[in-house]
Amino acid sequence: MFDETDRELLAEGADATRRTTRNTAELLVRIARFVALYPDSEREIAHAEIAEAFSWTVSFARSQVALAVALSTRLPATFAAMRAGTIAEFKVRRIMVATEVLSDELAARVEAEVAAQAEQLDANQLSDLLRDVVARADPTAAARTAARSKGQRRVHETPDDGAGVLAIQGDTERTRLAFQRVRAIAQQIAAAGDSRTLDQIMSDVALDCLADKG
């Protein structure tokens, strides 16, 4: 059971999260203003300048610029809520991604319905709400979003201290089938008495198959 000290710690953590959200929003305000100084033809120069200023990769700088521009031009209510600390960055990003394929008018309509509820929803609930509201605003949006996501398929590797991350982005059907196949093989190995955790076996199976060591 929680005692008063535990609750105070959680309340302090919530306050810290809101401060972080407000600070991130103020950073995005300044990024949007900075990028506006550059013509579209020099946007990549702006990305490089931002990356250098904050010790970011250019790829991450590009994603933050996209978020800053979308919030400042298409999603003002969401941006205002973020600046107030009430909608966290990961939720704001989900709203941005969900409305990218919509016209400015439809994006505003979706935002008006979603922004007021976003603070109280967890990530899955927000995604479900966005999917429903976007579909009602534009029934063809889901197909366009799927086509765009399919066009962005890629493999990305992030090295770390002795352990790296290999991310594969592809169409939903094939990524689901691949995951299920890796899990099924790992479950068979685990059932035979292997001492590794299922997650460890799945990682080893996937990497061994891709590295042609299986």
Protein backbone atom coordinates (compact mmCIF):
# COMPACT_ATOMS: atom_id res chain seq x y z
CA MET A 1 0.00 0.00 0.00
CA PHE A 2 1.08 3.57 -0.65
CA ASP A 3 1.75 5.86 2.29
CA GLU A 4 1.82 9.64 2.15
CA THR A 5 5.55 9.74 1.37
CA ASP A 6 5.06 7.45 -1.62
CA ARG A 7 2.28 9.66 -2.94
CA GLU A 8 4.40 12.75 -2.48
CA LEU A 9 7.18 11.15 -4.53
CA LEU A 10 4.74 10.36 -7.34
CA ALA A 11 3.33 13.90 -7.21
CA GLU A 12 6.84 15.31 -7.40
CA GLY A 13 7.56 13.04 -10.35
CA ALA A 14 4.42 14.24 -12.11
CA ASP A 15 5.46 17.85 -11.52
CA ALA A 16 8.90 17.11 -12.94
CA THR A 17 7.31 15.53 -16.02
CA ARG A 18 5.19 18.63 -16.59
CA ARG A 19 8.24 20.87 -16.25
CA THR A 20 10.12 18.73 -18.77
CA THR A 21 7.18 18.98 -21.17
CA ARG A 22 7.05 22.77 -20.80
CA ASN A 23 10.79 23.07 -21.34
CA THR A 24 10.65 20.87 -24.44
CA ALA A 25 7.81 22.97 -25.81
CA GLU A 26 9.81 26.17 -25.32
CA LEU A 27 12.72 24.57 -27.15
CA LEU A 28 10.39 23.67 -30.02
CA VAL A 29 9.13 27.26 -30.14
CA ARG A 30 12.68 28.45 -30.68
CA ILE A 31 13.45 25.73 -33.21
CA ALA A 32 10.38 26.75 -35.23
CA ARG A 33 11.48 30.40 -35.16
CA PHE A 34 15.02 29.48 -36.17
CA VAL A 35 13.92 27.30 -39.08
CA ALA A 36 11.59 30.06 -40.31
CA LEU A 37 14.69 32.18 -40.99
CA TYR A 38 15.77 29.72 -43.71
CA PRO A 39 14.12 29.28 -47.12
CA ASP A 40 12.87 25.77 -47.89
CA SER A 41 15.83 25.24 -50.22
CA GLU A 42 18.19 25.64 -47.24
CA ARG A 43 16.24 23.55 -44.74
CA GLU A 44 18.99 20.92 -44.54
CA ILE A 45 21.45 23.64 -43.54
CA ALA A 46 19.11 24.54 -40.69
CA HIS A 47 18.93 20.88 -39.65
CA ALA A 48 22.73 20.68 -39.54
CA GLU A 49 22.97 23.90 -37.50
CA ILE A 50 20.43 22.64 -34.98
CA ALA A 51 22.11 19.24 -34.75
CA GLU A 52 25.46 20.88 -34.01
CA ALA A 53 23.99 23.29 -31.44
CA PHE A 54 22.38 20.52 -29.38
CA SER A 55 24.79 17.64 -30.11
CA TRP A 56 22.00 15.78 -31.92
CA THR A 57 22.21 13.64 -35.01
CA VAL A 58 20.94 15.36 -38.15
CA SER A 59 18.18 12.74 -38.34
CA PHE A 60 16.94 13.59 -34.85
CA ALA A 61 17.20 17.31 -35.57
CA ARG A 62 15.09 16.77 -38.67
CA SER A 63 12.39 14.99 -36.65
CA GLN A 64 12.33 17.77 -34.04
CA VAL A 65 12.06 20.41 -36.75
CA ALA A 66 9.12 18.55 -38.30
CA LEU A 67 7.40 18.47 -34.91
CA ALA A 68 8.12 22.14 -34.19
CA VAL A 69 6.82 23.28 -37.58
CA ALA A 70 3.68 21.15 -37.41
CA LEU A 71 2.83 22.39 -33.93
CA SER A 72 3.43 26.02 -34.73
CA THR A 73 1.53 26.01 -38.03
CA ARG A 74 -1.12 23.26 -37.93
CA LEU A 75 -1.72 22.24 -34.31
CA PRO A 76 -1.83 25.40 -32.18
CA ALA A 77 -4.14 24.00 -29.49
CA THR A 78 -1.91 20.95 -29.04
CA PHE A 79 1.13 23.21 -28.84
CA ALA A 80 -0.56 25.42 -26.25
CA ALA A 81 -1.35 22.35 -24.13
CA MET A 82 2.24 21.17 -24.40
CA ARG A 83 3.54 24.61 -23.38
CA ALA A 84 1.24 24.39 -20.36
CA GLY A 85 2.72 20.99 -19.53
CA THR A 86 -0.53 19.07 -19.89
CA ILE A 87 0.19 16.97 -23.00
CA ALA A 88 3.52 15.15 -23.03
CA GLU A 89 5.81 15.13 -26.05
CA PHE A 90 5.16 11.51 -27.00
CA LYS A 91 1.41 12.21 -27.15
CA VAL A 92 1.96 15.40 -29.12
CA ARG A 93 4.05 13.47 -31.62
CA ARG A 94 1.28 10.89 -32.04
CA ILE A 95 -1.21 13.65 -32.79
CA MET A 96 1.17 15.14 -35.35
CA VAL A 97 1.78 11.81 -37.11
CA ALA A 98 -1.92 10.93 -37.17
CA THR A 99 -2.86 14.24 -38.79
CA GLU A 100 0.02 14.50 -41.28
CA VAL A 101 -2.05 13.13 -44.17
CA LEU A 102 -4.96 15.51 -43.50
CA SER A 103 -5.62 18.97 -44.89
CA ASP A 104 -5.09 21.86 -42.48
CA GLU A 105 -8.88 22.17 -42.06
CA LEU A 106 -9.36 18.50 -41.20
CA ALA A 107 -6.29 18.47 -38.96
CA ALA A 108 -7.81 21.35 -36.99
CA ARG A 109 -11.08 19.45 -36.68
CA VAL A 110 -9.32 16.35 -35.37
CA GLU A 111 -7.20 18.41 -32.99
CA ALA A 112 -10.26 20.12 -31.55
CA GLU A 113 -11.76 16.75 -30.63
CA VAL A 114 -8.58 15.07 -29.40
CA ALA A 115 -6.54 17.73 -27.60
CA ALA A 116 -8.98 18.20 -24.73
CA GLN A 117 -8.93 14.46 -23.95
CA ALA A 118 -5.27 13.66 -24.59
CA GLU A 119 -4.00 14.45 -21.10
CA GLN A 120 -6.18 11.77 -19.49
CA LEU A 121 -5.43 9.02 -22.01
CA ASP A 122 -2.57 6.56 -22.09
CA ALA A 123 -0.65 5.95 -25.31
CA ASN A 124 -2.86 3.12 -26.56
CA GLN A 125 -6.08 4.96 -25.74
CA LEU A 126 -4.85 8.05 -27.54
CA SER A 127 -3.88 6.04 -30.62
CA ASP A 128 -7.33 4.40 -30.68
CA LEU A 129 -9.05 7.78 -30.36
CA LEU A 130 -6.91 9.31 -33.10
CA ARG A 131 -7.60 6.39 -35.42
CA ASP A 132 -11.36 6.79 -34.89
CA VAL A 133 -11.48 10.58 -35.17
CA VAL A 134 -9.22 10.70 -38.24
CA ALA A 135 -11.29 7.99 -39.96
CA ARG A 136 -14.47 9.97 -39.36
CA ALA A 137 -12.85 13.17 -40.62
CA ASP A 138 -11.41 11.52 -43.74
CA PRO A 139 -12.28 7.86 -44.51
CA THR A 140 -9.40 7.62 -47.00
CA ALA A 141 -6.74 8.77 -44.52
CA ALA A 142 -5.93 5.30 -43.20
CA ALA A 143 -5.03 4.03 -46.68
CA ARG A 144 -2.81 7.05 -47.33
CA THR A 145 -1.11 6.66 -43.96
CA ALA A 146 -0.44 2.98 -44.65
CA ALA A 147 0.99 3.77 -48.08
CA ARG A 148 3.24 6.47 -46.63
CA SER A 149 4.46 4.19 -43.86
CA LYS A 150 5.18 1.42 -46.34
CA GLY A 151 7.25 3.85 -48.38
CA GLN A 152 9.33 4.66 -45.30
CA ARG A 153 10.40 1.04 -44.66
CA ARG A 154 14.03 0.75 -43.64
CA VAL A 155 16.53 -1.03 -41.41
CA HIS A 156 18.35 1.01 -38.78
CA GLU A 157 21.19 -0.05 -36.50
CA THR A 158 22.19 1.77 -33.32
CA PRO A 159 25.46 0.56 -31.76
CA ASP A 160 25.84 0.64 -28.00
CA ASP A 161 28.28 -0.54 -25.34
CA GLY A 162 28.54 -4.22 -26.22
CA ALA A 163 24.91 -4.46 -27.37
CA GLY A 164 23.32 -2.78 -30.37
CA VAL A 165 19.74 -2.21 -31.51
CA LEU A 166 18.59 -3.38 -34.95
CA ALA A 167 15.22 -1.93 -35.95
CA ILE A 168 13.27 -3.09 -38.99
CA GLN A 169 10.43 -0.92 -40.24
CA GLY A 170 8.17 -2.53 -42.83
CA ASP A 171 4.56 -3.24 -43.65
CA THR A 172 2.43 -4.47 -40.75
CA GLU A 173 1.67 -7.93 -42.13
CA ARG A 174 5.27 -8.92 -42.72
CA THR A 175 6.64 -7.45 -39.49
CA ARG A 176 3.94 -9.28 -37.54
CA LEU A 177 4.63 -12.56 -39.33
CA ALA A 178 8.38 -12.17 -38.78
CA PHE A 179 7.87 -11.49 -35.07
CA GLN A 180 5.53 -14.45 -34.68
CA ARG A 181 8.00 -16.72 -36.49
CA VAL A 182 10.92 -15.65 -34.29
CA ARG A 183 8.80 -16.07 -31.15
CA ALA A 184 7.62 -19.54 -32.19
CA ILE A 185 11.20 -20.72 -32.76
CA ALA A 186 12.28 -19.21 -29.44
CA GLN A 187 9.41 -20.90 -27.59
CA GLN A 188 10.46 -24.27 -29.01
CA ILE A 189 14.04 -23.69 -27.81
CA ALA A 190 12.84 -22.56 -24.37
CA ALA A 191 10.58 -25.62 -24.06
CA ALA A 192 13.62 -27.84 -24.63
CA GLY A 193 15.14 -26.50 -21.42
CA ASP A 194 17.25 -23.55 -22.55
CA SER A 195 18.24 -21.37 -19.57
CA ARG A 196 17.98 -18.04 -21.42
CA THR A 197 14.91 -15.84 -21.07
CA LEU A 198 12.45 -15.87 -23.96
CA ASP A 199 13.45 -12.32 -24.92
CA GLN A 200 17.12 -13.33 -25.01
CA ILE A 201 16.38 -16.38 -27.16
CA MET A 202 14.26 -14.31 -29.56
CA SER A 203 17.07 -11.78 -29.95
CA ASP A 204 19.62 -14.54 -30.59
CA VAL A 205 17.34 -16.35 -33.05
CA ALA A 206 16.60 -13.20 -35.08
CA LEU A 207 20.22 -12.09 -35.25
CA ASP A 208 21.52 -15.59 -36.01
CA CYS A 209 19.06 -15.93 -38.90
CA LEU A 210 19.98 -12.55 -40.35
CA ALA A 211 23.71 -13.16 -39.87
CA ASP A 212 23.34 -16.62 -41.46
CA LYS A 213 24.49 -18.39 -38.32
CA GLY A 214 21.33 -20.39 -37.71
